[in-house]
Amino acid sequence: ARVLLQTTTLQAAEIAFASGFHSVRQFND
């Protein structure tokens, strides 16, 4: 998730699921 946040302009929700998280809340936490 950190790599995608710092190398792409994708929205947080897209990054959450691309990283393998099951929800945006789980990703944020």
mmCIF file of all heavy atoms, coordinates in Angstrom:
data_MODEL
# 
_entry.id   MODEL 
# 
loop_
_atom_site.group_PDB 
_atom_site.id 
_atom_site.type_symbol 
_atom_site.label_atom_id 
_atom_site.label_alt_id 
_atom_site.label_comp_id 
_atom_site.label_asym_id 
_atom_site.label_entity_id 
_atom_site.label_seq_id 
_atom_site.pdbx_PDB_ins_code 
_atom_site.Cartn_x 
_atom_site.Cartn_y 
_atom_site.Cartn_z 
_atom_site.occupancy 
_atom_site.B_iso_or_equiv 
_atom_site.pdbx_formal_charge 
_atom_site.auth_seq_id 
_atom_site.auth_comp_id 
_atom_site.auth_asym_id 
_atom_site.auth_atom_id 
_atom_site.pdbx_PDB_model_num 
ATOM 1   N N   . ALA A 1 1  ? 0.832   -1.204  0.000   1.00 0.00 ? 1  ALA A N   1 
ATOM 2   C CA  . ALA A 1 1  ? 0.000   0.000   0.000   1.00 0.00 ? 1  ALA A CA  1 
ATOM 3   C C   . ALA A 1 1  ? 0.865   1.251   0.000   1.00 0.00 ? 1  ALA A C   1 
ATOM 4   O O   . ALA A 1 1  ? 0.577   2.222   -0.720  1.00 0.00 ? 1  ALA A O   1 
ATOM 5   C CB  . ALA A 1 1  ? -0.925  -0.004  1.213   1.00 0.00 ? 1  ALA A CB  1 
ATOM 6   N N   . ARG A 1 2  ? 1.937   1.246   0.801   1.00 0.00 ? 2  ARG A N   1 
ATOM 7   C CA  . ARG A 1 2  ? 2.821   2.430   0.833   1.00 0.00 ? 2  ARG A CA  1 
ATOM 8   C C   . ARG A 1 2  ? 3.456   2.665   -0.527  1.00 0.00 ? 2  ARG A C   1 
ATOM 9   O O   . ARG A 1 2  ? 3.533   3.807   -1.011  1.00 0.00 ? 2  ARG A O   1 
ATOM 10  C CB  . ARG A 1 2  ? 3.905   2.267   1.896   1.00 0.00 ? 2  ARG A CB  1 
ATOM 11  C CG  . ARG A 1 2  ? 4.826   3.482   1.980   1.00 0.00 ? 2  ARG A CG  1 
ATOM 12  C CD  . ARG A 1 2  ? 5.786   3.411   3.143   1.00 0.00 ? 2  ARG A CD  1 
ATOM 13  N NE  . ARG A 1 2  ? 6.851   2.454   2.933   1.00 0.00 ? 2  ARG A NE  1 
ATOM 14  C CZ  . ARG A 1 2  ? 7.941   2.683   2.181   1.00 0.00 ? 2  ARG A CZ  1 
ATOM 15  N NH1 . ARG A 1 2  ? 8.059   3.833   1.516   1.00 0.00 ? 2  ARG A NH1 1 
ATOM 16  N NH2 . ARG A 1 2  ? 8.879   1.778   2.071   1.00 0.00 ? 2  ARG A NH2 1 
ATOM 17  N N   . VAL A 1 3  ? 3.901   1.594   -1.166  1.00 0.00 ? 3  VAL A N   1 
ATOM 18  C CA  . VAL A 1 3  ? 4.507   1.736   -2.488  1.00 0.00 ? 3  VAL A CA  1 
ATOM 19  C C   . VAL A 1 3  ? 3.513   2.352   -3.467  1.00 0.00 ? 3  VAL A C   1 
ATOM 20  O O   . VAL A 1 3  ? 3.847   3.286   -4.216  1.00 0.00 ? 3  VAL A O   1 
ATOM 21  C CB  . VAL A 1 3  ? 4.998   0.367   -3.002  1.00 0.00 ? 3  VAL A CB  1 
ATOM 22  C CG1 . VAL A 1 3  ? 5.367   0.442   -4.478  1.00 0.00 ? 3  VAL A CG1 1 
ATOM 23  C CG2 . VAL A 1 3  ? 6.195   -0.099  -2.187  1.00 0.00 ? 3  VAL A CG2 1 
ATOM 24  N N   . LEU A 1 4  ? 2.282   1.864   -3.477  1.00 0.00 ? 4  LEU A N   1 
ATOM 25  C CA  . LEU A 1 4  ? 1.279   2.381   -4.411  1.00 0.00 ? 4  LEU A CA  1 
ATOM 26  C C   . LEU A 1 4  ? 0.892   3.820   -4.073  1.00 0.00 ? 4  LEU A C   1 
ATOM 27  O O   . LEU A 1 4  ? 0.665   4.635   -4.968  1.00 0.00 ? 4  LEU A O   1 
ATOM 28  C CB  . LEU A 1 4  ? 0.048   1.478   -4.409  1.00 0.00 ? 4  LEU A CB  1 
ATOM 29  C CG  . LEU A 1 4  ? 0.259   0.089   -5.027  1.00 0.00 ? 4  LEU A CG  1 
ATOM 30  C CD1 . LEU A 1 4  ? -0.982  -0.768  -4.856  1.00 0.00 ? 4  LEU A CD1 1 
ATOM 31  C CD2 . LEU A 1 4  ? 0.631   0.200   -6.495  1.00 0.00 ? 4  LEU A CD2 1 
ATOM 32  N N   . LEU A 1 5  ? 0.806   4.125   -2.793  1.00 0.00 ? 5  LEU A N   1 
ATOM 33  C CA  . LEU A 1 5  ? 0.488   5.502   -2.405  1.00 0.00 ? 5  LEU A CA  1 
ATOM 34  C C   . LEU A 1 5  ? 1.554   6.475   -2.891  1.00 0.00 ? 5  LEU A C   1 
ATOM 35  O O   . LEU A 1 5  ? 1.253   7.602   -3.306  1.00 0.00 ? 5  LEU A O   1 
ATOM 36  C CB  . LEU A 1 5  ? 0.356   5.608   -0.884  1.00 0.00 ? 5  LEU A CB  1 
ATOM 37  C CG  . LEU A 1 5  ? -0.951  5.102   -0.273  1.00 0.00 ? 5  LEU A CG  1 
ATOM 38  C CD1 . LEU A 1 5  ? -0.817  4.954   1.237   1.00 0.00 ? 5  LEU A CD1 1 
ATOM 39  C CD2 . LEU A 1 5  ? -2.113  6.043   -0.609  1.00 0.00 ? 5  LEU A CD2 1 
ATOM 40  N N   . GLN A 1 6  ? 2.807   6.032   -2.855  1.00 0.00 ? 6  GLN A N   1 
ATOM 41  C CA  . GLN A 1 6  ? 3.905   6.941   -3.149  1.00 0.00 ? 6  GLN A CA  1 
ATOM 42  C C   . GLN A 1 6  ? 4.394   6.882   -4.592  1.00 0.00 ? 6  GLN A C   1 
ATOM 43  O O   . GLN A 1 6  ? 5.285   7.634   -4.961  1.00 0.00 ? 6  GLN A O   1 
ATOM 44  C CB  . GLN A 1 6  ? 5.066   6.647   -2.188  1.00 0.00 ? 6  GLN A CB  1 
ATOM 45  C CG  . GLN A 1 6  ? 4.685   6.918   -0.733  1.00 0.00 ? 6  GLN A CG  1 
ATOM 46  C CD  . GLN A 1 6  ? 5.778   6.575   0.247   1.00 0.00 ? 6  GLN A CD  1 
ATOM 47  O OE1 . GLN A 1 6  ? 6.714   5.860   -0.065  1.00 0.00 ? 6  GLN A OE1 1 
ATOM 48  N NE2 . GLN A 1 6  ? 5.667   7.094   1.462   1.00 0.00 ? 6  GLN A NE2 1 
ATOM 49  N N   . THR A 1 7  ? 3.801   6.012   -5.409  1.00 0.00 ? 7  THR A N   1 
ATOM 50  C CA  . THR A 1 7  ? 4.245   5.922   -6.806  1.00 0.00 ? 7  THR A CA  1 
ATOM 51  C C   . THR A 1 7  ? 3.115   6.067   -7.816  1.00 0.00 ? 7  THR A C   1 
ATOM 52  O O   . THR A 1 7  ? 3.375   6.104   -9.017  1.00 0.00 ? 7  THR A O   1 
ATOM 53  C CB  . THR A 1 7  ? 4.947   4.569   -7.074  1.00 0.00 ? 7  THR A CB  1 
ATOM 54  O OG1 . THR A 1 7  ? 4.022   3.502   -6.821  1.00 0.00 ? 7  THR A OG1 1 
ATOM 55  C CG2 . THR A 1 7  ? 6.175   4.404   -6.199  1.00 0.00 ? 7  THR A CG2 1 
ATOM 56  N N   . THR A 1 8  ? 1.873   6.098   -7.356  1.00 0.00 ? 8  THR A N   1 
ATOM 57  C CA  . THR A 1 8  ? 0.752   6.219   -8.283  1.00 0.00 ? 8  THR A CA  1 
ATOM 58  C C   . THR A 1 8  ? -0.193  7.322   -7.806  1.00 0.00 ? 8  THR A C   1 
ATOM 59  O O   . THR A 1 8  ? -0.074  7.836   -6.697  1.00 0.00 ? 8  THR A O   1 
ATOM 60  C CB  . THR A 1 8  ? -0.061  4.905   -8.368  1.00 0.00 ? 8  THR A CB  1 
ATOM 61  O OG1 . THR A 1 8  ? -0.849  4.747   -7.172  1.00 0.00 ? 8  THR A OG1 1 
ATOM 62  C CG2 . THR A 1 8  ? 0.854   3.702   -8.538  1.00 0.00 ? 8  THR A CG2 1 
ATOM 63  N N   . THR A 1 9  ? -1.132  7.658   -8.675  1.00 0.00 ? 9  THR A N   1 
ATOM 64  C CA  . THR A 1 9  ? -2.154  8.651   -8.325  1.00 0.00 ? 9  THR A CA  1 
ATOM 65  C C   . THR A 1 9  ? -3.507  7.981   -8.098  1.00 0.00 ? 9  THR A C   1 
ATOM 66  O O   . THR A 1 9  ? -4.543  8.641   -8.112  1.00 0.00 ? 9  THR A O   1 
ATOM 67  C CB  . THR A 1 9  ? -2.289  9.695   -9.452  1.00 0.00 ? 9  THR A CB  1 
ATOM 68  O OG1 . THR A 1 9  ? -2.621  9.034   -10.677 1.00 0.00 ? 9  THR A OG1 1 
ATOM 69  C CG2 . THR A 1 9  ? -0.994  10.465  -9.631  1.00 0.00 ? 9  THR A CG2 1 
ATOM 70  N N   . LEU A 1 10 ? -3.501  6.678   -7.887  1.00 0.00 ? 10 LEU A N   1 
ATOM 71  C CA  . LEU A 1 10 ? -4.746  5.954   -7.654  1.00 0.00 ? 10 LEU A CA  1 
ATOM 72  C C   . LEU A 1 10 ? -5.442  6.459   -6.396  1.00 0.00 ? 10 LEU A C   1 
ATOM 73  O O   . LEU A 1 10 ? -4.795  6.896   -5.436  1.00 0.00 ? 10 LEU A O   1 
ATOM 74  C CB  . LEU A 1 10 ? -4.460  4.459   -7.495  1.00 0.00 ? 10 LEU A CB  1 
ATOM 75  C CG  . LEU A 1 10 ? -3.975  3.695   -8.721  1.00 0.00 ? 10 LEU A CG  1 
ATOM 76  C CD1 . LEU A 1 10 ? -3.599  2.279   -8.332  1.00 0.00 ? 10 LEU A CD1 1 
ATOM 77  C CD2 . LEU A 1 10 ? -5.039  3.689   -9.808  1.00 0.00 ? 10 LEU A CD2 1 
ATOM 78  N N   . GLN A 1 11 ? -6.759  6.339   -6.380  1.00 0.00 ? 11 GLN A N   1 
ATOM 79  C CA  . GLN A 1 11 ? -7.530  6.681   -5.201  1.00 0.00 ? 11 GLN A CA  1 
ATOM 80  C C   . GLN A 1 11 ? -7.263  5.657   -4.094  1.00 0.00 ? 11 GLN A C   1 
ATOM 81  O O   . GLN A 1 11 ? -6.897  4.508   -4.351  1.00 0.00 ? 11 GLN A O   1 
ATOM 82  C CB  . GLN A 1 11 ? -9.020  6.703   -5.534  1.00 0.00 ? 11 GLN A CB  1 
ATOM 83  C CG  . GLN A 1 11 ? -9.405  7.764   -6.553  1.00 0.00 ? 11 GLN A CG  1 
ATOM 84  C CD  . GLN A 1 11 ? -9.149  9.173   -6.027  1.00 0.00 ? 11 GLN A CD  1 
ATOM 85  O OE1 . GLN A 1 11 ? -9.501  9.503   -4.894  1.00 0.00 ? 11 GLN A OE1 1 
ATOM 86  N NE2 . GLN A 1 11 ? -8.511  9.994   -6.857  1.00 0.00 ? 11 GLN A NE2 1 
ATOM 87  N N   . ALA A 1 12 ? -7.466  6.093   -2.857  1.00 0.00 ? 12 ALA A N   1 
ATOM 88  C CA  . ALA A 1 12 ? -7.177  5.232   -1.704  1.00 0.00 ? 12 ALA A CA  1 
ATOM 89  C C   . ALA A 1 12 ? -7.958  3.921   -1.779  1.00 0.00 ? 12 ALA A C   1 
ATOM 90  O O   . ALA A 1 12 ? -7.426  2.854   -1.441  1.00 0.00 ? 12 ALA A O   1 
ATOM 91  C CB  . ALA A 1 12 ? -7.496  5.964   -0.407  1.00 0.00 ? 12 ALA A CB  1 
ATOM 92  N N   . ALA A 1 13 ? -9.198  3.966   -2.217  1.00 0.00 ? 13 ALA A N   1 
ATOM 93  C CA  . ALA A 1 13 ? -10.010 2.744   -2.290  1.00 0.00 ? 13 ALA A CA  1 
ATOM 94  C C   . ALA A 1 13 ? -9.408  1.746   -3.285  1.00 0.00 ? 13 ALA A C   1 
ATOM 95  O O   . ALA A 1 13 ? -9.376  0.536   -3.030  1.00 0.00 ? 13 ALA A O   1 
ATOM 96  C CB  . ALA A 1 13 ? -11.439 3.085   -2.680  1.00 0.00 ? 13 ALA A CB  1 
ATOM 97  N N   . GLU A 1 14 ? -8.931  2.250   -4.415  1.00 0.00 ? 14 GLU A N   1 
ATOM 98  C CA  . GLU A 1 14 ? -8.309  1.368   -5.405  1.00 0.00 ? 14 GLU A CA  1 
ATOM 99  C C   . GLU A 1 14 ? -7.041  0.737   -4.836  1.00 0.00 ? 14 GLU A C   1 
ATOM 100 O O   . GLU A 1 14 ? -6.765  -0.449  -5.041  1.00 0.00 ? 14 GLU A O   1 
ATOM 101 C CB  . GLU A 1 14 ? -7.976  2.157   -6.669  1.00 0.00 ? 14 GLU A CB  1 
ATOM 102 C CG  . GLU A 1 14 ? -9.172  2.710   -7.416  1.00 0.00 ? 14 GLU A CG  1 
ATOM 103 C CD  . GLU A 1 14 ? -8.762  3.577   -8.590  1.00 0.00 ? 14 GLU A CD  1 
ATOM 104 O OE1 . GLU A 1 14 ? -8.340  4.728   -8.363  1.00 0.00 ? 14 GLU A OE1 1 
ATOM 105 O OE2 . GLU A 1 14 ? -8.846  3.086   -9.733  1.00 0.00 ? 14 GLU A OE2 1 
ATOM 106 N N   . ILE A 1 15 ? -6.259  1.527   -4.129  1.00 0.00 ? 15 ILE A N   1 
ATOM 107 C CA  . ILE A 1 15 ? -5.015  1.028   -3.539  1.00 0.00 ? 15 ILE A CA  1 
ATOM 108 C C   . ILE A 1 15 ? -5.314  -0.009  -2.463  1.00 0.00 ? 15 ILE A C   1 
ATOM 109 O O   . ILE A 1 15 ? -4.614  -1.015  -2.339  1.00 0.00 ? 15 ILE A O   1 
ATOM 110 C CB  . ILE A 1 15 ? -4.190  2.193   -2.965  1.00 0.00 ? 15 ILE A CB  1 
ATOM 111 C CG1 . ILE A 1 15 ? -3.642  3.047   -4.113  1.00 0.00 ? 15 ILE A CG1 1 
ATOM 112 C CG2 . ILE A 1 15 ? -3.056  1.699   -2.067  1.00 0.00 ? 15 ILE A CG2 1 
ATOM 113 C CD1 . ILE A 1 15 ? -2.938  4.300   -3.678  1.00 0.00 ? 15 ILE A CD1 1 
ATOM 114 N N   . ALA A 1 16 ? -6.364  0.227   -1.695  1.00 0.00 ? 16 ALA A N   1 
ATOM 115 C CA  . ALA A 1 16 ? -6.718  -0.707  -0.623  1.00 0.00 ? 16 ALA A CA  1 
ATOM 116 C C   . ALA A 1 16 ? -6.930  -2.108  -1.174  1.00 0.00 ? 16 ALA A C   1 
ATOM 117 O O   . ALA A 1 16 ? -6.366  -3.092  -0.669  1.00 0.00 ? 16 ALA A O   1 
ATOM 118 C CB  . ALA A 1 16 ? -7.966  -0.215  0.099   1.00 0.00 ? 16 ALA A CB  1 
ATOM 119 N N   . PHE A 1 17 ? -7.728  -2.230  -2.218  1.00 0.00 ? 17 PHE A N   1 
ATOM 120 C CA  . PHE A 1 17 ? -8.044  -3.559  -2.754  1.00 0.00 ? 17 PHE A CA  1 
ATOM 121 C C   . PHE A 1 17 ? -6.886  -4.125  -3.574  1.00 0.00 ? 17 PHE A C   1 
ATOM 122 O O   . PHE A 1 17 ? -6.658  -5.337  -3.582  1.00 0.00 ? 17 PHE A O   1 
ATOM 123 C CB  . PHE A 1 17 ? -9.332  -3.502  -3.568  1.00 0.00 ? 17 PHE A CB  1 
ATOM 124 C CG  . PHE A 1 17 ? -10.541 -3.203  -2.716  1.00 0.00 ? 17 PHE A CG  1 
ATOM 125 C CD1 . PHE A 1 17 ? -11.191 -1.982  -2.799  1.00 0.00 ? 17 PHE A CD1 1 
ATOM 126 C CD2 . PHE A 1 17 ? -11.001 -4.141  -1.804  1.00 0.00 ? 17 PHE A CD2 1 
ATOM 127 C CE1 . PHE A 1 17 ? -12.293 -1.708  -1.987  1.00 0.00 ? 17 PHE A CE1 1 
ATOM 128 C CE2 . PHE A 1 17 ? -12.102 -3.874  -0.996  1.00 0.00 ? 17 PHE A CE2 1 
ATOM 129 C CZ  . PHE A 1 17 ? -12.740 -2.644  -1.081  1.00 0.00 ? 17 PHE A CZ  1 
ATOM 130 N N   . ALA A 1 18 ? -6.116  -3.260  -4.252  1.00 0.00 ? 18 ALA A N   1 
ATOM 131 C CA  . ALA A 1 18 ? -4.945  -3.734  -4.989  1.00 0.00 ? 18 ALA A CA  1 
ATOM 132 C C   . ALA A 1 18 ? -3.889  -4.291  -4.043  1.00 0.00 ? 18 ALA A C   1 
ATOM 133 O O   . ALA A 1 18 ? -3.131  -5.196  -4.405  1.00 0.00 ? 18 ALA A O   1 
ATOM 134 C CB  . ALA A 1 18 ? -4.353  -2.593  -5.819  1.00 0.00 ? 18 ALA A CB  1 
ATOM 135 N N   . SER A 1 19 ? -3.840  -3.779  -2.817  1.00 0.00 ? 19 SER A N   1 
ATOM 136 C CA  . SER A 1 19 ? -2.848  -4.222  -1.832  1.00 0.00 ? 19 SER A CA  1 
ATOM 137 C C   . SER A 1 19 ? -3.258  -5.496  -1.119  1.00 0.00 ? 19 SER A C   1 
ATOM 138 O O   . SER A 1 19 ? -2.452  -6.080  -0.393  1.00 0.00 ? 19 SER A O   1 
ATOM 139 C CB  . SER A 1 19 ? -2.625  -3.118  -0.786  1.00 0.00 ? 19 SER A CB  1 
ATOM 140 O OG  . SER A 1 19 ? -2.240  -1.916  -1.397  1.00 0.00 ? 19 SER A OG  1 
ATOM 141 N N   . GLY A 1 20 ? -4.511  -5.904  -1.281  1.00 0.00 ? 20 GLY A N   1 
ATOM 142 C CA  . GLY A 1 20 ? -4.966  -7.135  -0.650  1.00 0.00 ? 20 GLY A CA  1 
ATOM 143 C C   . GLY A 1 20 ? -5.844  -6.933  0.557   1.00 0.00 ? 20 GLY A C   1 
ATOM 144 O O   . GLY A 1 20 ? -6.255  -7.909  1.199   1.00 0.00 ? 20 GLY A O   1 
ATOM 145 N N   . PHE A 1 21 ? -6.166  -5.670  0.905   1.00 0.00 ? 21 PHE A N   1 
ATOM 146 C CA  . PHE A 1 21 ? -7.073  -5.420  2.031   1.00 0.00 ? 21 PHE A CA  1 
ATOM 147 C C   . PHE A 1 21 ? -8.508  -5.734  1.609   1.00 0.00 ? 21 PHE A C   1 
ATOM 148 O O   . PHE A 1 21 ? -8.880  -5.580  0.444   1.00 0.00 ? 21 PHE A O   1 
ATOM 149 C CB  . PHE A 1 21 ? -6.961  -3.966  2.498   1.00 0.00 ? 21 PHE A CB  1 
ATOM 150 C CG  . PHE A 1 21 ? -5.661  -3.650  3.163   1.00 0.00 ? 21 PHE A CG  1 
ATOM 151 C CD1 . PHE A 1 21 ? -4.639  -3.035  2.457   1.00 0.00 ? 21 PHE A CD1 1 
ATOM 152 C CD2 . PHE A 1 21 ? -5.445  -3.980  4.492   1.00 0.00 ? 21 PHE A CD2 1 
ATOM 153 C CE1 . PHE A 1 21 ? -3.419  -2.746  3.066   1.00 0.00 ? 21 PHE A CE1 1 
ATOM 154 C CE2 . PHE A 1 21 ? -4.230  -3.703  5.106   1.00 0.00 ? 21 PHE A CE2 1 
ATOM 155 C CZ  . PHE A 1 21 ? -3.215  -3.080  4.393   1.00 0.00 ? 21 PHE A CZ  1 
ATOM 156 N N   . HIS A 1 22 ? -9.308  -6.141  2.585   1.00 0.00 ? 22 HIS A N   1 
ATOM 157 C CA  . HIS A 1 22 ? -10.685 -6.527  2.282   1.00 0.00 ? 22 HIS A CA  1 
ATOM 158 C C   . HIS A 1 22 ? -11.662 -5.364  2.395   1.00 0.00 ? 22 HIS A C   1 
ATOM 159 O O   . HIS A 1 22 ? -12.816 -5.493  2.000   1.00 0.00 ? 22 HIS A O   1 
ATOM 160 C CB  . HIS A 1 22 ? -11.132 -7.658  3.210   1.00 0.00 ? 22 HIS A CB  1 
ATOM 161 C CG  . HIS A 1 22 ? -10.307 -8.905  3.036   1.00 0.00 ? 22 HIS A CG  1 
ATOM 162 N ND1 . HIS A 1 22 ? -10.256 -9.598  1.848   1.00 0.00 ? 22 HIS A ND1 1 
ATOM 163 C CD2 . HIS A 1 22 ? -9.489  -9.572  3.894   1.00 0.00 ? 22 HIS A CD2 1 
ATOM 164 C CE1 . HIS A 1 22 ? -9.458  -10.643 1.976   1.00 0.00 ? 22 HIS A CE1 1 
ATOM 165 N NE2 . HIS A 1 22 ? -8.973  -10.653 3.211   1.00 0.00 ? 22 HIS A NE2 1 
ATOM 166 N N   . SER A 1 23 ? -11.208 -4.250  2.948   1.00 0.00 ? 23 SER A N   1 
ATOM 167 C CA  . SER A 1 23 ? -12.067 -3.080  3.047   1.00 0.00 ? 23 SER A CA  1 
ATOM 168 C C   . SER A 1 23 ? -11.206 -1.831  3.160   1.00 0.00 ? 23 SER A C   1 
ATOM 169 O O   . SER A 1 23 ? -10.032 -1.904  3.564   1.00 0.00 ? 23 SER A O   1 
ATOM 170 C CB  . SER A 1 23 ? -12.992 -3.172  4.274   1.00 0.00 ? 23 SER A CB  1 
ATOM 171 O OG  . SER A 1 23 ? -12.236 -3.032  5.477   1.00 0.00 ? 23 SER A OG  1 
ATOM 172 N N   . VAL A 1 24 ? -11.800 -0.684  2.817   1.00 0.00 ? 24 VAL A N   1 
ATOM 173 C CA  . VAL A 1 24 ? -11.078 0.584   2.938   1.00 0.00 ? 24 VAL A CA  1 
ATOM 174 C C   . VAL A 1 24 ? -10.819 0.900   4.406   1.00 0.00 ? 24 VAL A C   1 
ATOM 175 O O   . VAL A 1 24 ? -9.754  1.429   4.760   1.00 0.00 ? 24 VAL A O   1 
ATOM 176 C CB  . VAL A 1 24 ? -11.885 1.715   2.271   1.00 0.00 ? 24 VAL A CB  1 
ATOM 177 C CG1 . VAL A 1 24 ? -11.208 3.070   2.493   1.00 0.00 ? 24 VAL A CG1 1 
ATOM 178 C CG2 . VAL A 1 24 ? -12.037 1.444   0.778   1.00 0.00 ? 24 VAL A CG2 1 
ATOM 179 N N   . ARG A 1 25 ? -11.744 0.541   5.261   1.00 0.00 ? 25 ARG A N   1 
ATOM 180 C CA  . ARG A 1 25 ? -11.547 0.793   6.691   1.00 0.00 ? 25 ARG A CA  1 
ATOM 181 C C   . ARG A 1 25 ? -10.350 0.009   7.223   1.00 0.00 ? 25 ARG A C   1 
ATOM 182 O O   . ARG A 1 25 ? -9.532  0.546   7.978   1.00 0.00 ? 25 ARG A O   1 
ATOM 183 C CB  . ARG A 1 25 ? -12.816 0.426   7.469   1.00 0.00 ? 25 ARG A CB  1 
ATOM 184 C CG  . ARG A 1 25 ? -12.689 0.646   8.968   1.00 0.00 ? 25 ARG A CG  1 
ATOM 185 C CD  . ARG A 1 25 ? -13.993 0.346   9.679   1.00 0.00 ? 25 ARG A CD  1 
ATOM 186 N NE  . ARG A 1 25 ? -13.868 0.553   11.118  1.00 0.00 ? 25 ARG A NE  1 
ATOM 187 C CZ  . ARG A 1 25 ? -14.853 0.390   11.984  1.00 0.00 ? 25 ARG A CZ  1 
ATOM 188 N NH1 . ARG A 1 25 ? -16.058 0.038   11.557  1.00 0.00 ? 25 ARG A NH1 1 
ATOM 189 N NH2 . ARG A 1 25 ? -14.658 0.605   13.274  1.00 0.00 ? 25 ARG A NH2 1 
ATOM 190 N N   . GLN A 1 26 ? -10.257 -1.260  6.841   1.00 0.00 ? 26 GLN A N   1 
ATOM 191 C CA  . GLN A 1 26 ? -9.118  -2.075  7.265   1.00 0.00 ? 26 GLN A CA  1 
ATOM 192 C C   . GLN A 1 26 ? -7.809  -1.469  6.754   1.00 0.00 ? 26 GLN A C   1 
ATOM 193 O O   . GLN A 1 26 ? -6.798  -1.422  7.471   1.00 0.00 ? 26 GLN A O   1 
ATOM 194 C CB  . GLN A 1 26 ? -9.280  -3.496  6.724   1.00 0.00 ? 26 GLN A CB  1 
ATOM 195 C CG  . GLN A 1 26 ? -8.218  -4.478  7.172   1.00 0.00 ? 26 GLN A CG  1 
ATOM 196 C CD  . GLN A 1 26 ? -8.338  -5.808  6.468   1.00 0.00 ? 26 GLN A CD  1 
ATOM 197 O OE1 . GLN A 1 26 ? -8.284  -5.881  5.235   1.00 0.00 ? 26 GLN A OE1 1 
ATOM 198 N NE2 . GLN A 1 26 ? -8.542  -6.874  7.243   1.00 0.00 ? 26 GLN A NE2 1 
ATOM 199 N N   . PHE A 1 27 ? -7.814  -0.997  5.521   1.00 0.00 ? 27 PHE A N   1 
ATOM 200 C CA  . PHE A 1 27 ? -6.651  -0.339  4.924   1.00 0.00 ? 27 PHE A CA  1 
ATOM 201 C C   . PHE A 1 27 ? -6.266  0.903   5.712   1.00 0.00 ? 27 PHE A C   1 
ATOM 202 O O   . PHE A 1 27 ? -5.101  1.092   6.097   1.00 0.00 ? 27 PHE A O   1 
ATOM 203 C CB  . PHE A 1 27 ? -6.996  -0.002  3.468   1.00 0.00 ? 27 PHE A CB  1 
ATOM 204 C CG  . PHE A 1 27 ? -6.152  1.051   2.822   1.00 0.00 ? 27 PHE A CG  1 
ATOM 205 C CD1 . PHE A 1 27 ? -4.825  0.805   2.486   1.00 0.00 ? 27 PHE A CD1 1 
ATOM 206 C CD2 . PHE A 1 27 ? -6.694  2.295   2.512   1.00 0.00 ? 27 PHE A CD2 1 
ATOM 207 C CE1 . PHE A 1 27 ? -4.054  1.769   1.857   1.00 0.00 ? 27 PHE A CE1 1 
ATOM 208 C CE2 . PHE A 1 27 ? -5.939  3.266   1.885   1.00 0.00 ? 27 PHE A CE2 1 
ATOM 209 C CZ  . PHE A 1 27 ? -4.613  3.005   1.558   1.00 0.00 ? 27 PHE A CZ  1 
ATOM 210 N N   . ASN A 1 28 ? -7.233  1.768   5.986   1.00 0.00 ? 28 ASN A N   1 
ATOM 211 C CA  . ASN A 1 28 ? -6.951  3.002   6.729   1.00 0.00 ? 28 ASN A CA  1 
ATOM 212 C C   . ASN A 1 28 ? -6.408  2.708   8.129   1.00 0.00 ? 28 ASN A C   1 
ATOM 213 O O   . ASN A 1 28 ? -5.421  3.324   8.577   1.00 0.00 ? 28 ASN A O   1 
ATOM 214 C CB  . ASN A 1 28 ? -8.220  3.853   6.845   1.00 0.00 ? 28 ASN A CB  1 
ATOM 215 C CG  . ASN A 1 28 ? -8.616  4.494   5.530   1.00 0.00 ? 28 ASN A CG  1 
ATOM 216 O OD1 . ASN A 1 28 ? -7.768  4.778   4.686   1.00 0.00 ? 28 ASN A OD1 1 
ATOM 217 N ND2 . ASN A 1 28 ? -9.909  4.721   5.347   1.00 0.00 ? 28 ASN A ND2 1 
ATOM 218 N N   . ASP A 1 29 ? -7.041  1.771   8.815   1.00 0.00 ? 29 ASP A N   1 
ATOM 219 C CA  . ASP A 1 29 ? -6.619  1.452   10.184  1.00 0.00 ? 29 ASP A CA  1 
ATOM 220 C C   . ASP A 1 29 ? -5.202  0.877   10.211  1.00 0.00 ? 29 ASP A C   1 
ATOM 221 O O   . ASP A 1 29 ? -4.397  1.218   11.085  1.00 0.00 ? 29 ASP A O   1 
ATOM 222 C CB  . ASP A 1 29 ? -7.595  0.447   10.815  1.00 0.00 ? 29 ASP A CB  1 
ATOM 223 C CG  . ASP A 1 29 ? -8.965  1.056   11.107  1.00 0.00 ? 29 ASP A CG  1 
ATOM 224 O OD1 . ASP A 1 29 ? -9.073  2.300   11.081  1.00 0.00 ? 29 ASP A OD1 1 
ATOM 225 O OD2 . ASP A 1 29 ? -9.914  0.286   11.356  1.00 0.00 ? 29 ASP A OD2 1 
# 
